[in-house]
Structures are given as structure tokens and as C-alpha cells.
Amino acid sequence: MAGATFIDVLLAIILPPLGVFLRFGCAVEFWICLLLTILGYIPGIIYAIYVLVG
């Protein structure tokens, strides 16, 4: 898929690791997003949207 759907972006805003997990599974992107979300909610959202859209 080239872009993220509305549901993917909505999940990335509500619970960033879940949105990334549904797209990539337990890949590196998920663990980076989980770590960023634990350290700060906003960085997790920004990274999740960046990964899903890009």
C-alpha cells in the first residue's frame, strides 16, 4: 500500500504502537514506536504517523 488509510491514522493518534503493529507486526518499527510512546506520547504519535504515511 502506498498510503495510510483513515483507520490507520486514527489508531496511530489514539494508540500509536497499535497502529504500527497492525501494519508491520513485531518489526523494528513497532518497537521504536513503543519506546517513543513510553518516553512521551507525542513523539510516539509523530513517529507512528511518519511510518504509516511515509
PDB file of N, CA and C in Angstrom:
ATOM      1  N   MET A   1       0.839  -1.192   0.000  1.00  0.00           N
ATOM      2  CA  MET A   1       0.000   0.000   0.000  1.00  0.00           C
ATOM      3  C   MET A   1       0.876   1.244   0.000  1.00  0.00           C
ATOM      4  N   ALA A   2       0.450   2.221  -0.715  1.00  0.00           N
ATOM      5  CA  ALA A   2       1.236   3.443  -0.817  1.00  0.00           C
ATOM      6  C   ALA A   2       0.971   4.391   0.345  1.00  0.00           C
ATOM      7  N   GLY A   3      -0.266   4.512   0.778  1.00  0.00           N
ATOM      8  CA  GLY A   3      -0.584   5.448   1.841  1.00  0.00           C
ATOM      9  C   GLY A   3      -1.372   4.791   2.948  1.00  0.00           C
ATOM     10  N   ALA A   4      -1.489   5.532   4.010  1.00  0.00           N
ATOM     11  CA  ALA A   4      -2.226   5.027   5.166  1.00  0.00           C
ATOM     12  C   ALA A   4      -3.717   5.335   5.009  1.00  0.00           C
ATOM     13  N   THR A   5      -4.548   4.454   5.495  1.00  0.00           N
ATOM     14  CA  THR A   5      -5.977   4.700   5.480  1.00  0.00           C
ATOM     15  C   THR A   5      -6.359   5.565   6.673  1.00  0.00           C
ATOM     16  N   PHE A   6      -7.584   6.009   6.677  1.00  0.00           N
ATOM     17  CA  PHE A   6      -8.079   6.838   7.777  1.00  0.00           C
ATOM     18  C   PHE A   6      -8.028   6.079   9.098  1.00  0.00           C
ATOM     19  N   ILE A   7      -8.363   4.800   9.065  1.00  0.00           N
ATOM     20  CA  ILE A   7      -8.354   3.982  10.283  1.00  0.00           C
ATOM     21  C   ILE A   7      -6.941   3.838  10.833  1.00  0.00           C
ATOM     22  N   ASP A   8      -5.962   3.658   9.956  1.00  0.00           N
ATOM     23  CA  ASP A   8      -4.564   3.550  10.394  1.00  0.00           C
ATOM     24  C   ASP A   8      -4.117   4.820  11.106  1.00  0.00           C
ATOM     25  N   VAL A   9      -4.434   5.962  10.534  1.00  0.00           N
ATOM     26  CA  VAL A   9      -4.026   7.235  11.130  1.00  0.00           C
ATOM     27  C   VAL A   9      -4.775   7.473  12.443  1.00  0.00           C
ATOM     28  N   LEU A  10      -6.049   7.125  12.482  1.00  0.00           N
ATOM     29  CA  LEU A  10      -6.823   7.281  13.715  1.00  0.00           C
ATOM     30  C   LEU A  10      -6.251   6.410  14.829  1.00  0.00           C
ATOM     31  N   LEU A  11      -5.919   5.176  14.534  1.00  0.00           N
ATOM     32  CA  LEU A  11      -5.296   4.306  15.536  1.00  0.00           C
ATOM     33  C   LEU A  11      -3.930   4.826  15.956  1.00  0.00           C
ATOM     34  N   ALA A  12      -3.198   5.417  15.020  1.00  0.00           N
ATOM     35  CA  ALA A  12      -1.888   5.976  15.346  1.00  0.00           C
ATOM     36  C   ALA A  12      -2.016   7.161  16.293  1.00  0.00           C
ATOM     37  N   ILE A  13      -3.113   7.880  16.241  1.00  0.00           N
ATOM     38  CA  ILE A  13      -3.313   9.013  17.139  1.00  0.00           C
ATOM     39  C   ILE A  13      -3.787   8.528  18.509  1.00  0.00           C
ATOM     40  N   ILE A  14      -4.697   7.564  18.525  1.00  0.00           N
ATOM     41  CA  ILE A  14      -5.246   7.079  19.792  1.00  0.00           C
ATOM     42  C   ILE A  14      -4.225   6.224  20.544  1.00  0.00           C
ATOM     43  N   LEU A  15      -3.658   5.237  19.871  1.00  0.00           N
ATOM     44  CA  LEU A  15      -2.678   4.335  20.483  1.00  0.00           C
ATOM     45  C   LEU A  15      -1.610   4.015  19.433  1.00  0.00           C
ATOM     46  N   PRO A  16      -0.558   4.816  19.400  1.00  0.00           N
ATOM     47  CA  PRO A  16       0.432   4.722  18.322  1.00  0.00           C
ATOM     48  C   PRO A  16       1.015   3.327  18.077  1.00  0.00           C
ATOM     49  N   PRO A  17       1.429   2.586  19.106  1.00  0.00           N
ATOM     50  CA  PRO A  17       2.008   1.268  18.804  1.00  0.00           C
ATOM     51  C   PRO A  17       1.019   0.306  18.146  1.00  0.00           C
ATOM     52  N   LEU A  18      -0.255   0.416  18.467  1.00  0.00           N
ATOM     53  CA  LEU A  18      -1.249  -0.464  17.868  1.00  0.00           C
ATOM     54  C   LEU A  18      -1.367  -0.214  16.360  1.00  0.00           C
ATOM     55  N   GLY A  19      -1.382   1.045  15.969  1.00  0.00           N
ATOM     56  CA  GLY A  19      -1.459   1.369  14.544  1.00  0.00           C
ATOM     57  C   GLY A  19      -0.265   0.842  13.770  1.00  0.00           C
ATOM     58  N   VAL A  20       0.922   0.957  14.359  1.00  0.00           N
ATOM     59  CA  VAL A  20       2.130   0.467  13.698  1.00  0.00           C
ATOM     60  C   VAL A  20       2.147  -1.061  13.702  1.00  0.00           C
ATOM     61  N   PHE A  21       1.704  -1.675  14.796  1.00  0.00           N
ATOM     62  CA  PHE A  21       1.681  -3.140  14.883  1.00  0.00           C
ATOM     63  C   PHE A  21       0.763  -3.745  13.830  1.00  0.00           C
ATOM     64  N   LEU A  22      -0.385  -3.144  13.613  1.00  0.00           N
ATOM     65  CA  LEU A  22      -1.318  -3.684  12.631  1.00  0.00           C
ATOM     66  C   LEU A  22      -0.757  -3.616  11.212  1.00  0.00           C
ATOM     67  N   ARG A  23       0.124  -2.677  10.954  1.00  0.00           N
ATOM     68  CA  ARG A  23       0.708  -2.554   9.612  1.00  0.00           C
ATOM     69  C   ARG A  23       1.971  -3.412   9.464  1.00  0.00           C
ATOM     70  N   PHE A  24       2.857  -3.416  10.481  1.00  0.00           N
ATOM     71  CA  PHE A  24       4.167  -4.045  10.335  1.00  0.00           C
ATOM     72  C   PHE A  24       4.372  -5.295  11.192  1.00  0.00           C
ATOM     73  N   GLY A  25       3.495  -5.561  12.150  1.00  0.00           N
ATOM     74  CA  GLY A  25       3.714  -6.679  13.060  1.00  0.00           C
ATOM     75  C   GLY A  25       4.775  -6.316  14.080  1.00  0.00           C
ATOM     76  N   CYS A  26       5.517  -7.291  14.567  1.00  0.00           N
ATOM     77  CA  CYS A  26       6.544  -7.042  15.595  1.00  0.00           C
ATOM     78  C   CYS A  26       7.893  -6.694  14.973  1.00  0.00           C
ATOM     79  N   ALA A  27       7.895  -5.876  13.965  1.00  0.00           N
ATOM     80  CA  ALA A  27       9.139  -5.444  13.325  1.00  0.00           C
ATOM     81  C   ALA A  27       9.771  -4.316  14.138  1.00  0.00           C
ATOM     82  N   VAL A  28      10.887  -3.840  13.660  1.00  0.00           N
ATOM     83  CA  VAL A  28      11.634  -2.784  14.347  1.00  0.00           C
ATOM     84  C   VAL A  28      10.787  -1.523  14.502  1.00  0.00           C
ATOM     85  N   GLU A  29       9.954  -1.216  13.511  1.00  0.00           N
ATOM     86  CA  GLU A  29       9.124  -0.015  13.584  1.00  0.00           C
ATOM     87  C   GLU A  29       8.212  -0.028  14.803  1.00  0.00           C
ATOM     88  N   PHE A  30       7.665  -1.202  15.126  1.00  0.00           N
ATOM     89  CA  PHE A  30       6.788  -1.326  16.293  1.00  0.00           C
ATOM     90  C   PHE A  30       7.539  -1.026  17.576  1.00  0.00           C
ATOM     91  N   TRP A  31       8.718  -1.599  17.729  1.00  0.00           N
ATOM     92  CA  TRP A  31       9.473  -1.417  18.969  1.00  0.00           C
ATOM     93  C   TRP A  31       9.954   0.020  19.137  1.00  0.00           C
ATOM     94  N   ILE A  32      10.339   0.672  18.049  1.00  0.00           N
ATOM     95  CA  ILE A  32      10.724   2.082  18.118  1.00  0.00           C
ATOM     96  C   ILE A  32       9.515   2.917  18.539  1.00  0.00           C
ATOM     97  N   CYS A  33       8.360   2.631  17.964  1.00  0.00           N
ATOM     98  CA  CYS A  33       7.146   3.377  18.296  1.00  0.00           C
ATOM     99  C   CYS A  33       6.747   3.146  19.749  1.00  0.00           C
ATOM    100  N   LEU A  34       6.864   1.914  20.212  1.00  0.00           N
ATOM    101  CA  LEU A  34       6.539   1.611  21.609  1.00  0.00           C
ATOM    102  C   LEU A  34       7.462   2.354  22.561  1.00  0.00           C
ATOM    103  N   LEU A  35       8.740   2.366  22.277  1.00  0.00           N
ATOM    104  CA  LEU A  35       9.703   3.075  23.122  1.00  0.00           C
ATOM    105  C   LEU A  35       9.429   4.579  23.128  1.00  0.00           C
ATOM    106  N   LEU A  36       9.167   5.149  21.964  1.00  0.00           N
ATOM    107  CA  LEU A  36       8.873   6.577  21.894  1.00  0.00           C
ATOM    108  C   LEU A  36       7.574   6.922  22.617  1.00  0.00           C
ATOM    109  N   THR A  37       6.589   6.030  22.558  1.00  0.00           N
ATOM    110  CA  THR A  37       5.323   6.274  23.241  1.00  0.00           C
ATOM    111  C   THR A  37       5.508   6.198  24.752  1.00  0.00           C
ATOM    112  N   ILE A  38       6.342   5.287  25.214  1.00  0.00           N
ATOM    113  CA  ILE A  38       6.616   5.197  26.655  1.00  0.00           C
ATOM    114  C   ILE A  38       7.362   6.435  27.126  1.00  0.00           C
ATOM    115  N   LEU A  39       8.308   6.905  26.338  1.00  0.00           N
ATOM    116  CA  LEU A  39       9.071   8.087  26.727  1.00  0.00           C
ATOM    117  C   LEU A  39       8.254   9.369  26.634  1.00  0.00           C
ATOM    118  N   GLY A  40       7.318   9.414  25.731  1.00  0.00           N
ATOM    119  CA  GLY A  40       6.468  10.581  25.566  1.00  0.00           C
ATOM    120  C   GLY A  40       5.405  10.291  24.533  1.00  0.00           C
ATOM    121  N   TYR A  41       4.185  10.603  24.838  1.00  0.00           N
ATOM    122  CA  TYR A  41       3.067  10.240  23.969  1.00  0.00           C
ATOM    123  C   TYR A  41       3.150  10.925  22.603  1.00  0.00           C
ATOM    124  N   ILE A  42       3.498  12.194  22.590  1.00  0.00           N
ATOM    125  CA  ILE A  42       3.557  12.967  21.341  1.00  0.00           C
ATOM    126  C   ILE A  42       4.634  12.435  20.390  1.00  0.00           C
ATOM    127  N   PRO A  43       5.853  12.142  20.849  1.00  0.00           N
ATOM    128  CA  PRO A  43       6.825  11.555  19.915  1.00  0.00           C
ATOM    129  C   PRO A  43       6.358  10.225  19.325  1.00  0.00           C
ATOM    130  N   GLY A  44       5.629   9.436  20.103  1.00  0.00           N
ATOM    131  CA  GLY A  44       5.087   8.182  19.591  1.00  0.00           C
ATOM    132  C   GLY A  44       4.081   8.417  18.484  1.00  0.00           C
ATOM    133  N   ILE A  45       3.230   9.411  18.659  1.00  0.00           N
ATOM    134  CA  ILE A  45       2.241   9.749  17.626  1.00  0.00           C
ATOM    135  C   ILE A  45       2.937  10.233  16.358  1.00  0.00           C
ATOM    136  N   ILE A  46       3.900  11.115  16.513  1.00  0.00           N
ATOM    137  CA  ILE A  46       4.604  11.669  15.356  1.00  0.00           C
ATOM    138  C   ILE A  46       5.307  10.558  14.585  1.00  0.00           C
ATOM    139  N   TYR A  47       5.984   9.664  15.291  1.00  0.00           N
ATOM    140  CA  TYR A  47       6.684   8.572  14.623  1.00  0.00           C
ATOM    141  C   TYR A  47       5.709   7.611  13.941  1.00  0.00           C
ATOM    142  N   ALA A  48       4.614   7.296  14.609  1.00  0.00           N
ATOM    143  CA  ALA A  48       3.639   6.372  14.042  1.00  0.00           C
ATOM    144  C   ALA A  48       3.047   6.934  12.751  1.00  0.00           C
ATOM    145  N   ILE A  49       2.688   8.196  12.753  1.00  0.00           N
ATOM    146  CA  ILE A  49       2.132   8.798  11.540  1.00  0.00           C
ATOM    147  C   ILE A  49       3.181   8.873  10.446  1.00  0.00           C
ATOM    148  N   TYR A  50       4.408   9.198  10.824  1.00  0.00           N
ATOM    149  CA  TYR A  50       5.503   9.251   9.857  1.00  0.00           C
ATOM    150  C   TYR A  50       5.717   7.890   9.193  1.00  0.00           C
ATOM    151  N   VAL A  51       5.720   6.830   9.977  1.00  0.00           N
ATOM    152  CA  VAL A  51       5.939   5.485   9.447  1.00  0.00           C
ATOM    153  C   VAL A  51       4.761   5.026   8.596  1.00  0.00           C
ATOM    154  N   LEU A  52       3.539   5.314   9.036  1.00  0.00           N
ATOM    155  CA  LEU A  52       2.377   4.845   8.303  1.00  0.00           C
ATOM    156  C   LEU A  52       2.155   5.588   6.999  1.00  0.00           C
ATOM    157  N   VAL A  53       2.412   6.874   6.992  1.00  0.00           N
ATOM    158  CA  VAL A  53       2.153   7.673   5.788  1.00  0.00           C
ATOM    159  C   VAL A  53       3.329   7.566   4.810  1.00  0.00           C
ATOM    160  N   GLY A  54       4.525   7.512   5.347  1.00  0.00           N
ATOM    161  CA  GLY A  54       5.725   7.521   4.500  1.00  0.00           C
ATOM    162  C   GLY A  54       6.113   6.243   3.912  1.00  0.00           C
TER     163      GLY A  54
END
